Amino acid sequence: MRVAILIPCYNEAVAIGGVVADFRRALPGAHILVCDNASSDDTAARARAAGAEVLAEPRRGKGHAVRRLFAAIEADAYFLVDGDGTYDAAAAPAMLALLAEQRLDMVTATRVSQSQAAYRLGHRFGNRAITGAIATLFGHGVPDMLSGYRVFSRRFVKSFPALAQGFETETEFTVHALELGMPVASLTSAYLPRPEGSHSKLNTFRDGFRILLTVLGLLQREKPLPFFGAIAAGLAGLGLLLAIPVLQHFHETGLVPRLPTAVLSMGLVLAGLLSLACGLVLETVTRGRQEAKRMAYLALPGPCSGALADKHGGESNK
């Protein structure tokens, strides 16, 4: 199997050398590729000194770096891991074995940490809330949706649109797998404190808000009927609520003295019906787009199929 270890980095000079060395020991034959995301320190130089190939991505944001890495190399299995030294490289062989043996498209490392400094309370709460929301909206996926440590099959990577710009790219990974019905799994892995002198780039509230907006955007694109149906129900319900006193007065007197309220009520109900019509039309469009994405995904070789074919071919030749 051709294995690629992809490491997006921004100002991780303190940690990147150790991360590259750890993964070199864990997976000696893997190709390690670091994407320097416009760092202002010597991240790129230290990554090269540790033996990694380095690419540059001038547009800031993890999503941009991931898109650059996915397009840059061909492999059978792609590890994606942050360059901050918080993920355990020793878990990589087990993740790779699970991907190959069960022919999966994604294996996610579920973080386990006893250190509050490594895994802050706000991050834990936000991760649980967003993971629960995705499970409710799109179906059960992975227990740690925002984990930055995963291994993918080739057909996952080559069918992934990579539209995110920042840390919300992890949300896209999970939804992409769920929408296409990909086989996925997870393994627990230690989550370690950052090396001394290294600082997190993740802002709990700013990035959490961006991830929430991404979830809403994905819901609107991938499940338009429930999205616009909920808006339609809210508008129509408010319109009918405003219409109750108008209808009562008309029933008692035969008059409509609250004409502005009646017009507003009618407008809200019509807006609700229009929203429902949009949802129905977009649901048909989305279903066709999902079918096309599924067919494009299935047109790619299955997880590790090339490596398994080579193995069986070698055995038969013997």
C-alpha atoms as a PDB file:
ATOM      1  CA  MET A   1       0.000   0.000   0.000  1.00  0.00           C
ATOM      2  CA  ARG A   2       1.101   3.523  -0.784  1.00  0.00           C
ATOM      3  CA  VAL A   3       0.578   5.528   2.399  1.00  0.00           C
ATOM      4  CA  ALA A   4       0.697   9.323   2.587  1.00  0.00           C
ATOM      5  CA  ILE A   5       0.835  11.274   5.838  1.00  0.00           C
ATOM      6  CA  LEU A   6      -0.526  14.779   5.276  1.00  0.00           C
ATOM      7  CA  ILE A   7       0.205  17.470   7.852  1.00  0.00           C
ATOM      8  CA  PRO A   8      -1.315  20.964   7.484  1.00  0.00           C
ATOM      9  CA  CYS A   9       0.699  23.463   9.541  1.00  0.00           C
ATOM     10  CA  TYR A  10       0.553  27.082  10.592  1.00  0.00           C
ATOM     11  CA  ASN A  11       3.304  28.345  12.915  1.00  0.00           C
ATOM     12  CA  GLU A  12       4.146  24.916  14.355  1.00  0.00           C
ATOM     13  CA  ALA A  13       7.955  25.225  14.352  1.00  0.00           C
ATOM     14  CA  VAL A  14       8.106  23.990  17.952  1.00  0.00           C
ATOM     15  CA  ALA A  15       6.241  20.742  17.278  1.00  0.00           C
ATOM     16  CA  ILE A  16       6.546  19.822  13.598  1.00  0.00           C
ATOM     17  CA  GLY A  17       9.966  18.152  13.781  1.00  0.00           C
ATOM     18  CA  GLY A  18       8.770  15.777  16.485  1.00  0.00           C
ATOM     19  CA  VAL A  19       5.530  15.015  14.616  1.00  0.00           C
ATOM     20  CA  VAL A  20       7.415  14.070  11.444  1.00  0.00           C
ATOM     21  CA  ALA A  21       9.887  11.923  13.404  1.00  0.00           C
ATOM     22  CA  ASP A  22       7.098  10.140  15.304  1.00  0.00           C
ATOM     23  CA  PHE A  23       5.200   9.224  12.139  1.00  0.00           C
ATOM     24  CA  ARG A  24       8.424   8.185  10.413  1.00  0.00           C
ATOM     25  CA  ARG A  25       8.931   5.641  13.225  1.00  0.00           C
ATOM     26  CA  ALA A  26       5.285   4.508  13.255  1.00  0.00           C
ATOM     27  CA  LEU A  27       4.998   4.077   9.459  1.00  0.00           C
ATOM     28  CA  PRO A  28       8.530   3.838   8.025  1.00  0.00           C
ATOM     29  CA  GLY A  29       7.490   3.458   4.390  1.00  0.00           C
ATOM     30  CA  ALA A  30       5.002   6.337   4.297  1.00  0.00           C
ATOM     31  CA  HIS A  31       5.428   9.535   2.302  1.00  0.00           C
ATOM     32  CA  ILE A  32       5.216  12.498   4.693  1.00  0.00           C
ATOM     33  CA  LEU A  33       3.951  15.719   3.163  1.00  0.00           C
ATOM     34  CA  VAL A  34       3.694  18.966   5.146  1.00  0.00           C
ATOM     35  CA  CYS A  35       1.678  21.947   3.934  1.00  0.00           C
ATOM     36  CA  ASP A  36       3.052  25.213   5.307  1.00  0.00           C
ATOM     37  CA  ASN A  37      -0.018  27.448   5.542  1.00  0.00           C
ATOM     38  CA  ALA A  38       1.737  30.849   5.288  1.00  0.00           C
ATOM     39  CA  SER A  39       3.603  30.442   8.580  1.00  0.00           C
ATOM     40  CA  SER A  40       5.589  33.376   9.926  1.00  0.00           C
ATOM     41  CA  ASP A  41       8.100  31.135  11.740  1.00  0.00           C
ATOM     42  CA  ASP A  42      10.475  28.458  10.434  1.00  0.00           C
ATOM     43  CA  THR A  43       7.908  25.638  10.305  1.00  0.00           C
ATOM     44  CA  ALA A  44       8.834  24.756   6.712  1.00  0.00           C
ATOM     45  CA  ALA A  45      12.580  24.606   7.399  1.00  0.00           C
ATOM     46  CA  ARG A  46      12.151  22.371  10.440  1.00  0.00           C
ATOM     47  CA  ALA A  47       9.798  20.052   8.563  1.00  0.00           C
ATOM     48  CA  ARG A  48      12.359  19.655   5.764  1.00  0.00           C
ATOM     49  CA  ALA A  49      15.126  19.100   8.288  1.00  0.00           C
ATOM     50  CA  ALA A  50      13.056  16.267   9.800  1.00  0.00           C
ATOM     51  CA  GLY A  51      12.776  14.608   6.371  1.00  0.00           C
ATOM     52  CA  ALA A  52       9.336  15.693   5.156  1.00  0.00           C
ATOM     53  CA  GLU A  53       8.430  17.087   1.765  1.00  0.00           C
ATOM     54  CA  VAL A  54       7.007  20.601   2.151  1.00  0.00           C
ATOM     55  CA  LEU A  55       4.376  22.393   0.068  1.00  0.00           C
ATOM     56  CA  ALA A  56       3.319  26.018   0.471  1.00  0.00           C
ATOM     57  CA  GLU A  57      -0.283  27.243   0.616  1.00  0.00           C
ATOM     58  CA  PRO A  58      -0.483  31.058   0.844  1.00  0.00           C
ATOM     59  CA  ARG A  59      -4.219  31.187   1.616  1.00  0.00           C
ATOM     60  CA  ARG A  60      -4.692  31.001   5.381  1.00  0.00           C
ATOM     61  CA  GLY A  61      -7.052  28.364   6.724  1.00  0.00           C
ATOM     62  CA  LYS A  62      -6.911  24.629   7.358  1.00  0.00           C
ATOM     63  CA  GLY A  63      -9.465  23.947   4.624  1.00  0.00           C
ATOM     64  CA  HIS A  64      -7.185  25.516   2.012  1.00  0.00           C
ATOM     65  CA  ALA A  65      -4.222  23.463   3.254  1.00  0.00           C
ATOM     66  CA  VAL A  66      -6.240  20.231   3.165  1.00  0.00           C
ATOM     67  CA  ARG A  67      -7.402  20.943  -0.383  1.00  0.00           C
ATOM     68  CA  ARG A  68      -3.796  21.536  -1.449  1.00  0.00           C
ATOM     69  CA  LEU A  69      -2.584  18.318   0.194  1.00  0.00           C
ATOM     70  CA  PHE A  70      -5.355  16.128  -1.221  1.00  0.00           C
ATOM     71  CA  ALA A  71      -4.600  17.323  -4.749  1.00  0.00           C
ATOM     72  CA  ALA A  72      -0.822  16.988  -4.459  1.00  0.00           C
ATOM     73  CA  ILE A  73      -0.210  13.256  -4.056  1.00  0.00           C
ATOM     74  CA  GLU A  74      -1.509   9.857  -5.134  1.00  0.00           C
ATOM     75  CA  ALA A  75      -1.761   7.099  -2.523  1.00  0.00           C
ATOM     76  CA  ASP A  76      -3.915   4.181  -1.402  1.00  0.00           C
ATOM     77  CA  ALA A  77      -4.348   5.509   2.148  1.00  0.00           C
ATOM     78  CA  TYR A  78      -4.131   9.112   3.315  1.00  0.00           C
ATOM     79  CA  PHE A  79      -3.485  10.068   6.927  1.00  0.00           C
ATOM     80  CA  LEU A  80      -4.449  13.586   7.920  1.00  0.00           C
ATOM     81  CA  VAL A  81      -3.038  14.842  11.213  1.00  0.00           C
ATOM     82  CA  ASP A  82      -2.432  18.229  12.789  1.00  0.00           C
ATOM     83  CA  GLY A  83       1.172  19.332  13.169  1.00  0.00           C
ATOM     84  CA  ASP A  84       0.854  20.416  16.802  1.00  0.00           C
ATOM     85  CA  GLY A  85       2.087  17.195  18.423  1.00  0.00           C
ATOM     86  CA  THR A  86      -1.193  16.425  20.209  1.00  0.00           C
ATOM     87  CA  TYR A  87      -2.014  13.212  18.329  1.00  0.00           C
ATOM     88  CA  ASP A  88      -0.427   9.843  19.027  1.00  0.00           C
ATOM     89  CA  ALA A  89       1.513   8.530  16.020  1.00  0.00           C
ATOM     90  CA  ALA A  90       1.646   5.077  17.641  1.00  0.00           C
ATOM     91  CA  ALA A  91      -2.074   4.643  16.815  1.00  0.00           C
ATOM     92  CA  ALA A  92      -1.426   4.965  13.065  1.00  0.00           C
ATOM     93  CA  PRO A  93      -0.623   1.279  12.314  1.00  0.00           C
ATOM     94  CA  ALA A  94      -3.852   0.130  14.006  1.00  0.00           C
ATOM     95  CA  MET A  95      -5.878   2.729  12.112  1.00  0.00           C
ATOM     96  CA  LEU A  96      -4.315   1.670   8.822  1.00  0.00           C
ATOM     97  CA  ALA A  97      -4.899  -2.026   9.567  1.00  0.00           C
ATOM     98  CA  LEU A  98      -8.568  -1.367  10.349  1.00  0.00           C
ATOM     99  CA  LEU A  99      -8.992   0.620   7.106  1.00  0.00           C
ATOM    100  CA  ALA A 100      -7.422  -2.178   5.036  1.00  0.00           C
ATOM    101  CA  GLU A 101      -8.932  -5.230   6.747  1.00  0.00           C
ATOM    102  CA  GLN A 102     -12.513  -3.927   6.787  1.00  0.00           C
ATOM    103  CA  ARG A 103     -12.146  -2.034   3.483  1.00  0.00           C
ATOM    104  CA  LEU A 104     -13.331   1.233   5.002  1.00  0.00           C
ATOM    105  CA  ASP A 105     -13.284   4.725   3.573  1.00  0.00           C
ATOM    106  CA  MET A 106     -12.523   6.609   6.794  1.00  0.00           C
ATOM    107  CA  VAL A 107     -11.174   5.769  10.244  1.00  0.00           C
ATOM    108  CA  THR A 108     -11.266   8.549  12.834  1.00  0.00           C
ATOM    109  CA  ALA A 109      -9.155   8.715  15.998  1.00  0.00           C
ATOM    110  CA  THR A 110     -11.473   9.410  18.925  1.00  0.00           C
ATOM    111  CA  ARG A 111      -9.546  11.576  21.376  1.00  0.00           C
ATOM    112  CA  VAL A 112      -9.048  10.365  24.944  1.00  0.00           C
ATOM    113  CA  SER A 113      -7.310  12.726  27.346  1.00  0.00           C
ATOM    114  CA  GLN A 114      -7.076  13.167  31.092  1.00  0.00           C
ATOM    115  CA  SER A 115      -5.496  16.601  30.721  1.00  0.00           C
ATOM    116  CA  GLN A 116      -7.760  19.654  30.841  1.00  0.00           C
ATOM    117  CA  ALA A 117      -4.984  21.707  29.259  1.00  0.00           C
ATOM    118  CA  ALA A 118      -4.797  19.363  26.257  1.00  0.00           C
ATOM    119  CA  TYR A 119      -8.552  19.120  25.710  1.00  0.00           C
ATOM    120  CA  ARG A 120     -10.245  22.190  27.136  1.00  0.00           C
ATOM    121  CA  LEU A 121     -13.739  21.997  28.619  1.00  0.00           C
ATOM    122  CA  GLY A 122     -15.179  24.414  26.054  1.00  0.00           C
ATOM    123  CA  HIS A 123     -13.792  22.312  23.213  1.00  0.00           C
ATOM    124  CA  ARG A 124     -15.206  19.121  24.749  1.00  0.00           C
ATOM    125  CA  PHE A 125     -18.665  20.659  25.133  1.00  0.00           C
ATOM    126  CA  GLY A 126     -18.653  22.148  21.622  1.00  0.00           C
ATOM    127  CA  ASN A 127     -17.489  18.866  20.102  1.00  0.00           C
ATOM    128  CA  ARG A 128     -20.242  16.893  21.852  1.00  0.00           C
ATOM    129  CA  ALA A 129     -22.902  19.434  20.855  1.00  0.00           C
ATOM    130  CA  ILE A 130     -21.900  19.554  17.180  1.00  0.00           C
ATOM    131  CA  THR A 131     -21.374  15.772  16.982  1.00  0.00           C
ATOM    132  CA  GLY A 132     -24.857  15.284  18.447  1.00  0.00           C
ATOM    133  CA  ALA A 133     -26.374  17.778  16.002  1.00  0.00           C
ATOM    134  CA  ILE A 134     -24.777  16.053  13.006  1.00  0.00           C
ATOM    135  CA  ALA A 135     -25.929  12.637  14.279  1.00  0.00           C
ATOM    136  CA  THR A 136     -29.486  13.966  14.597  1.00  0.00           C
ATOM    137  CA  LEU A 137     -29.549  15.675  11.215  1.00  0.00           C
ATOM    138  CA  PHE A 138     -27.516  13.283   9.062  1.00  0.00           C
ATOM    139  CA  GLY A 139     -27.498   9.994  10.985  1.00  0.00           C
ATOM    140  CA  HIS A 140     -24.941   8.400  13.284  1.00  0.00           C
ATOM    141  CA  GLY A 141     -21.401   9.053  12.135  1.00  0.00           C
ATOM    142  CA  VAL A 142     -18.331   9.156  14.367  1.00  0.00           C
ATOM    143  CA  PRO A 143     -18.101   9.834  18.121  1.00  0.00           C
ATOM    144  CA  ASP A 144     -15.472  12.585  17.724  1.00  0.00           C
ATOM    145  CA  MET A 145     -16.500  14.559  14.684  1.00  0.00           C
ATOM    146  CA  LEU A 146     -13.946  17.351  15.145  1.00  0.00           C
ATOM    147  CA  SER A 147     -10.923  15.072  15.525  1.00  0.00           C
ATOM    148  CA  GLY A 148      -7.988  16.209  13.404  1.00  0.00           C
ATOM    149  CA  TYR A 149      -6.529  12.691  13.105  1.00  0.00           C
ATOM    150  CA  ARG A 150      -7.992  10.445  10.405  1.00  0.00           C
ATOM    151  CA  VAL A 151      -7.048   8.025   7.667  1.00  0.00           C
ATOM    152  CA  PHE A 152      -8.960   7.950   4.372  1.00  0.00           C
ATOM    153  CA  SER A 153      -9.194   5.664   1.385  1.00  0.00           C
ATOM    154  CA  ARG A 154      -8.220   6.980  -2.027  1.00  0.00           C
ATOM    155  CA  ARG A 155     -11.796   7.116  -3.245  1.00  0.00           C
ATOM    156  CA  PHE A 156     -12.823   9.214  -0.235  1.00  0.00           C
ATOM    157  CA  VAL A 157     -10.080  11.758  -0.943  1.00  0.00           C
ATOM    158  CA  LYS A 158     -10.677  11.913  -4.688  1.00  0.00           C
ATOM    159  CA  SER A 159     -14.452  12.314  -4.299  1.00  0.00           C
ATOM    160  CA  PHE A 160     -14.240  14.896  -1.493  1.00  0.00           C
ATOM    161  CA  PRO A 161     -15.088  18.430  -2.731  1.00  0.00           C
ATOM    162  CA  ALA A 162     -13.071  20.242   0.008  1.00  0.00           C
ATOM    163  CA  LEU A 163     -15.108  23.451   0.041  1.00  0.00           C
ATOM    164  CA  ALA A 164     -14.306  24.601   3.597  1.00  0.00           C
ATOM    165  CA  GLN A 165     -11.711  27.259   4.322  1.00  0.00           C
ATOM    166  CA  GLY A 166     -10.923  26.732   8.009  1.00  0.00           C
ATOM    167  CA  PHE A 167     -11.391  24.252  10.861  1.00  0.00           C
ATOM    168  CA  GLU A 168     -14.902  23.443   9.649  1.00  0.00           C
ATOM    169  CA  THR A 169     -13.327  21.014   7.163  1.00  0.00           C
ATOM    170  CA  GLU A 170     -13.690  18.224   9.781  1.00  0.00           C
ATOM    171  CA  THR A 171     -17.454  18.718   9.676  1.00  0.00           C
ATOM    172  CA  GLU A 172     -17.359  18.324   5.893  1.00  0.00           C
ATOM    173  CA  PHE A 173     -15.481  15.017   6.218  1.00  0.00           C
ATOM    174  CA  THR A 174     -18.197  13.484   8.372  1.00  0.00           C
ATOM    175  CA  VAL A 175     -21.142  14.769   6.350  1.00  0.00           C
ATOM    176  CA  HIS A 176     -19.512  13.695   3.069  1.00  0.00           C
ATOM    177  CA  ALA A 177     -19.133  10.142   4.408  1.00  0.00           C
ATOM    178  CA  LEU A 178     -22.684  10.018   5.775  1.00  0.00           C
ATOM    179  CA  GLU A 179     -24.322  11.434   2.654  1.00  0.00           C
ATOM    180  CA  LEU A 180     -22.628   8.880   0.380  1.00  0.00           C
ATOM    181  CA  GLY A 181     -23.188   5.982   2.773  1.00  0.00           C
ATOM    182  CA  MET A 182     -19.473   5.234   3.114  1.00  0.00           C
ATOM    183  CA  PRO A 183     -18.253   2.547   5.521  1.00  0.00           C
ATOM    184  CA  VAL A 184     -16.478   4.300   8.405  1.00  0.00           C
ATOM    185  CA  ALA A 185     -15.147   3.404  11.855  1.00  0.00           C
ATOM    186  CA  SER A 186     -13.248   4.941  14.755  1.00  0.00           C
ATOM    187  CA  LEU A 187     -10.490   3.994  17.186  1.00  0.00           C
ATOM    188  CA  THR A 188      -9.605   5.597  20.497  1.00  0.00           C
ATOM    189  CA  SER A 189      -6.275   7.391  20.636  1.00  0.00           C
ATOM    190  CA  ALA A 190      -4.460   9.406  23.280  1.00  0.00           C
ATOM    191  CA  TYR A 191      -4.751  13.180  22.986  1.00  0.00           C
ATOM    192  CA  LEU A 192      -1.586  14.800  24.297  1.00  0.00           C
ATOM    193  CA  PRO A 193      -0.733  18.275  25.607  1.00  0.00           C
ATOM    194  CA  ARG A 194       1.003  20.621  23.196  1.00  0.00           C
ATOM    195  CA  PRO A 195       4.791  20.877  23.480  1.00  0.00           C
ATOM    196  CA  GLU A 196       5.994  23.722  25.675  1.00  0.00           C
ATOM    197  CA  GLY A 197       6.120  26.948  23.677  1.00  0.00           C
ATOM    198  CA  SER A 198       3.418  25.860  21.223  1.00  0.00           C
ATOM    199  CA  HIS A 199       0.053  27.630  21.148  1.00  0.00           C
ATOM    200  CA  SER A 200      -3.354  26.594  19.818  1.00  0.00           C
ATOM    201  CA  LYS A 201      -4.745  28.459  16.802  1.00  0.00           C
ATOM    202  CA  LEU A 202      -8.316  27.357  17.570  1.00  0.00           C
ATOM    203  CA  ASN A 203     -10.651  29.987  19.033  1.00  0.00           C
ATOM    204  CA  THR A 204     -13.495  28.283  20.886  1.00  0.00           C
ATOM    205  CA  PHE A 205     -16.231  30.819  20.096  1.00  0.00           C
ATOM    206  CA  ARG A 206     -15.123  32.153  16.704  1.00  0.00           C
ATOM    207  CA  ASP A 207     -14.367  28.750  15.181  1.00  0.00           C
ATOM    208  CA  GLY A 208     -17.334  27.152  16.945  1.00  0.00           C
ATOM    209  CA  PHE A 209     -19.615  29.742  15.351  1.00  0.00           C
ATOM    210  CA  ARG A 210     -18.062  29.098  11.926  1.00  0.00           C
ATOM    211  CA  ILE A 211     -18.581  25.347  12.365  1.00  0.00           C
ATOM    212  CA  LEU A 212     -22.214  25.959  13.356  1.00  0.00           C
ATOM    213  CA  LEU A 213     -22.745  28.039  10.205  1.00  0.00           C
ATOM    214  CA  THR A 214     -21.149  25.223   8.191  1.00  0.00           C
ATOM    215  CA  VAL A 215     -23.585  22.705   9.702  1.00  0.00           C
ATOM    216  CA  LEU A 216     -26.525  24.946   8.763  1.00  0.00           C
ATOM    217  CA  GLY A 217     -25.133  25.423   5.255  1.00  0.00           C
ATOM    218  CA  LEU A 218     -24.679  21.677   4.806  1.00  0.00           C
ATOM    219  CA  LEU A 219     -28.214  21.084   6.070  1.00  0.00           C
ATOM    220  CA  GLN A 220     -29.575  23.603   3.548  1.00  0.00           C
ATOM    221  CA  ARG A 221     -27.598  22.030   0.670  1.00  0.00           C
ATOM    222  CA  GLU A 222     -27.919  18.351   1.540  1.00  0.00           C
ATOM    223  CA  LYS A 223     -31.387  18.231   3.154  1.00  0.00           C
ATOM    224  CA  PRO A 224     -33.321  21.144   1.665  1.00  0.00           C
ATOM    225  CA  LEU A 225     -36.823  19.771   2.291  1.00  0.00           C
ATOM    226  CA  PRO A 226     -36.444  19.533   6.111  1.00  0.00           C
ATOM    227  CA  PHE A 227     -34.600  22.890   6.132  1.00  0.00           C
ATOM    228  CA  PHE A 228     -37.132  24.844   4.080  1.00  0.00           C
ATOM    229  CA  GLY A 229     -39.990  22.785   5.512  1.00  0.00           C
ATOM    230  CA  ALA A 230     -39.103  23.991   9.015  1.00  0.00           C
ATOM    231  CA  ILE A 231     -39.020  27.594   7.775  1.00  0.00           C
ATOM    232  CA  ALA A 232     -42.372  27.049   6.026  1.00  0.00           C
ATOM    233  CA  ALA A 233     -43.938  25.640   9.186  1.00  0.00           C
ATOM    234  CA  GLY A 234     -42.696  28.590  11.240  1.00  0.00           C
ATOM    235  CA  LEU A 235     -43.959  31.211   8.779  1.00  0.00           C
ATOM    236  CA  ALA A 236     -47.326  29.513   8.232  1.00  0.00           C
ATOM    237  CA  GLY A 237     -47.789  28.933  11.965  1.00  0.00           C
ATOM    238  CA  LEU A 238     -47.100  32.587  12.763  1.00  0.00           C
ATOM    239  CA  GLY A 239     -49.447  33.687   9.973  1.00  0.00           C
ATOM    240  CA  LEU A 240     -52.271  31.473  11.244  1.00  0.00           C
ATOM    241  CA  LEU A 241     -51.683  32.657  14.810  1.00  0.00           C
ATOM    242  CA  LEU A 242     -52.082  36.290  13.717  1.00  0.00           C
ATOM    243  CA  ALA A 243     -55.191  35.357  11.728  1.00  0.00           C
ATOM    244  CA  ILE A 244     -57.080  33.919  14.724  1.00  0.00           C
ATOM    245  CA  PRO A 245     -58.302  37.245  16.223  1.00  0.00           C
ATOM    246  CA  VAL A 246     -59.072  38.612  12.738  1.00  0.00           C
ATOM    247  CA  LEU A 247     -61.213  35.576  11.914  1.00  0.00           C
ATOM    248  CA  GLN A 248     -62.943  35.707  15.315  1.00  0.00           C
ATOM    249  CA  HIS A 249     -63.875  39.370  14.832  1.00  0.00           C
ATOM    250  CA  PHE A 250     -65.065  38.690  11.283  1.00  0.00           C
ATOM    251  CA  HIS A 251     -67.203  35.794  12.528  1.00  0.00           C
ATOM    252  CA  GLU A 252     -68.821  37.996  15.207  1.00  0.00           C
ATOM    253  CA  THR A 253     -69.310  41.232  13.234  1.00  0.00           C
ATOM    254  CA  GLY A 254     -68.758  40.436   9.576  1.00  0.00           C
ATOM    255  CA  LEU A 255     -66.067  43.144   9.487  1.00  0.00           C
ATOM    256  CA  VAL A 256     -62.286  43.134   9.140  1.00  0.00           C
ATOM    257  CA  PRO A 257     -61.086  46.185  11.116  1.00  0.00           C
ATOM    258  CA  ARG A 258     -57.511  44.857  11.428  1.00  0.00           C
ATOM    259  CA  LEU A 259     -56.690  44.979   7.740  1.00  0.00           C
ATOM    260  CA  PRO A 260     -52.877  45.329   8.183  1.00  0.00           C
ATOM    261  CA  THR A 261     -52.854  42.257  10.446  1.00  0.00           C
ATOM    262  CA  ALA A 262     -54.932  40.330   7.908  1.00  0.00           C
ATOM    263  CA  VAL A 263     -52.557  41.279   5.083  1.00  0.00           C
ATOM    264  CA  LEU A 264     -49.516  40.373   7.193  1.00  0.00           C
ATOM    265  CA  SER A 265     -51.079  37.019   8.114  1.00  0.00           C
ATOM    266  CA  MET A 266     -51.834  36.218   4.483  1.00  0.00           C
ATOM    267  CA  GLY A 267     -48.306  37.268   3.446  1.00  0.00           C
ATOM    268  CA  LEU A 268     -46.697  34.999   6.061  1.00  0.00           C
ATOM    269  CA  VAL A 269     -48.793  32.008   4.988  1.00  0.00           C
ATOM    270  CA  LEU A 270     -47.934  32.624   1.328  1.00  0.00           C
ATOM    271  CA  ALA A 271     -44.234  32.964   2.214  1.00  0.00           C
ATOM    272  CA  GLY A 272     -44.473  29.633   4.042  1.00  0.00           C
ATOM    273  CA  LEU A 273     -46.030  27.966   1.007  1.00  0.00           C
ATOM    274  CA  LEU A 274     -43.297  29.464  -1.198  1.00  0.00           C
ATOM    275  CA  SER A 275     -40.620  28.142   1.168  1.00  0.00           C
ATOM    276  CA  LEU A 276     -42.180  24.678   1.046  1.00  0.00           C
ATOM    277  CA  ALA A 277     -42.236  24.788  -2.761  1.00  0.00           C
ATOM    278  CA  CYS A 278     -38.535  25.757  -2.790  1.00  0.00           C
ATOM    279  CA  GLY A 279     -37.771  22.836  -0.488  1.00  0.00           C
ATOM    280  CA  LEU A 280     -39.607  20.381  -2.740  1.00  0.00           C
ATOM    281  CA  VAL A 281     -37.835  21.604  -5.887  1.00  0.00           C
ATOM    282  CA  LEU A 282     -34.390  21.662  -4.252  1.00  0.00           C
ATOM    283  CA  GLU A 283     -34.972  18.197  -2.758  1.00  0.00           C
ATOM    284  CA  THR A 284     -35.349  16.815  -6.285  1.00  0.00           C
ATOM    285  CA  VAL A 285     -32.231  18.648  -7.457  1.00  0.00           C
ATOM    286  CA  THR A 286     -30.258  17.471  -4.412  1.00  0.00           C
ATOM    287  CA  ARG A 287     -31.326  13.857  -4.928  1.00  0.00           C
ATOM    288  CA  GLY A 288     -30.023  13.966  -8.498  1.00  0.00           C
ATOM    289  CA  ARG A 289     -26.754  15.565  -7.359  1.00  0.00           C
ATOM    290  CA  GLN A 290     -26.304  12.945  -4.626  1.00  0.00           C
ATOM    291  CA  GLU A 291     -26.859  10.163  -7.148  1.00  0.00           C
ATOM    292  CA  ALA A 292     -24.201  11.685  -9.419  1.00  0.00           C
ATOM    293  CA  LYS A 293     -21.762  12.019  -6.474  1.00  0.00           C
ATOM    294  CA  ARG A 294     -22.441   8.414  -5.453  1.00  0.00           C
ATOM    295  CA  MET A 295     -21.790   7.135  -8.970  1.00  0.00           C
ATOM    296  CA  ALA A 296     -18.554   9.163  -9.200  1.00  0.00           C
ATOM    297  CA  TYR A 297     -17.492   7.760  -5.821  1.00  0.00           C
ATOM    298  CA  LEU A 298     -18.220   4.167  -6.878  1.00  0.00           C
ATOM    299  CA  ALA A 299     -16.310   4.658 -10.145  1.00  0.00           C
ATOM    300  CA  LEU A 300     -13.073   4.962  -8.135  1.00  0.00           C
ATOM    301  CA  PRO A 301     -11.203   1.839  -6.923  1.00  0.00           C
ATOM    302  CA  GLY A 302     -12.385   0.490  -3.576  1.00  0.00           C
ATOM    303  CA  PRO A 303     -10.401   0.855  -0.343  1.00  0.00           C
ATOM    304  CA  CYS A 304      -7.033  -0.898  -0.679  1.00  0.00           C
ATOM    305  CA  SER A 305      -8.314  -2.972  -3.604  1.00  0.00           C
ATOM    306  CA  GLY A 306      -5.164  -2.380  -5.649  1.00  0.00           C
ATOM    307  CA  ALA A 307      -2.890  -3.529  -2.832  1.00  0.00           C
ATOM    308  CA  LEU A 308      -5.038  -6.602  -2.180  1.00  0.00           C
ATOM    309  CA  ALA A 309      -5.113  -7.444  -5.884  1.00  0.00           C
ATOM    310  CA  ASP A 310      -1.325  -7.216  -6.053  1.00  0.00           C
ATOM    311  CA  LYS A 311      -1.041  -9.470  -3.009  1.00  0.00           C
ATOM    312  CA  HIS A 312      -3.357 -12.148  -4.397  1.00  0.00           C
ATOM    313  CA  GLY A 313      -1.734 -11.903  -7.814  1.00  0.00           C
ATOM    314  CA  GLY A 314       1.690 -12.460  -6.254  1.00  0.00           C
ATOM    315  CA  GLU A 315       0.409 -15.462  -4.325  1.00  0.00           C
ATOM    316  CA  SER A 316      -1.135 -17.033  -7.435  1.00  0.00           C
ATOM    317  CA  ASN A 317       2.090 -16.510  -9.389  1.00  0.00           C
ATOM    318  CA  LYS A 318       3.925 -18.416  -6.679  1.00  0.00           C
END
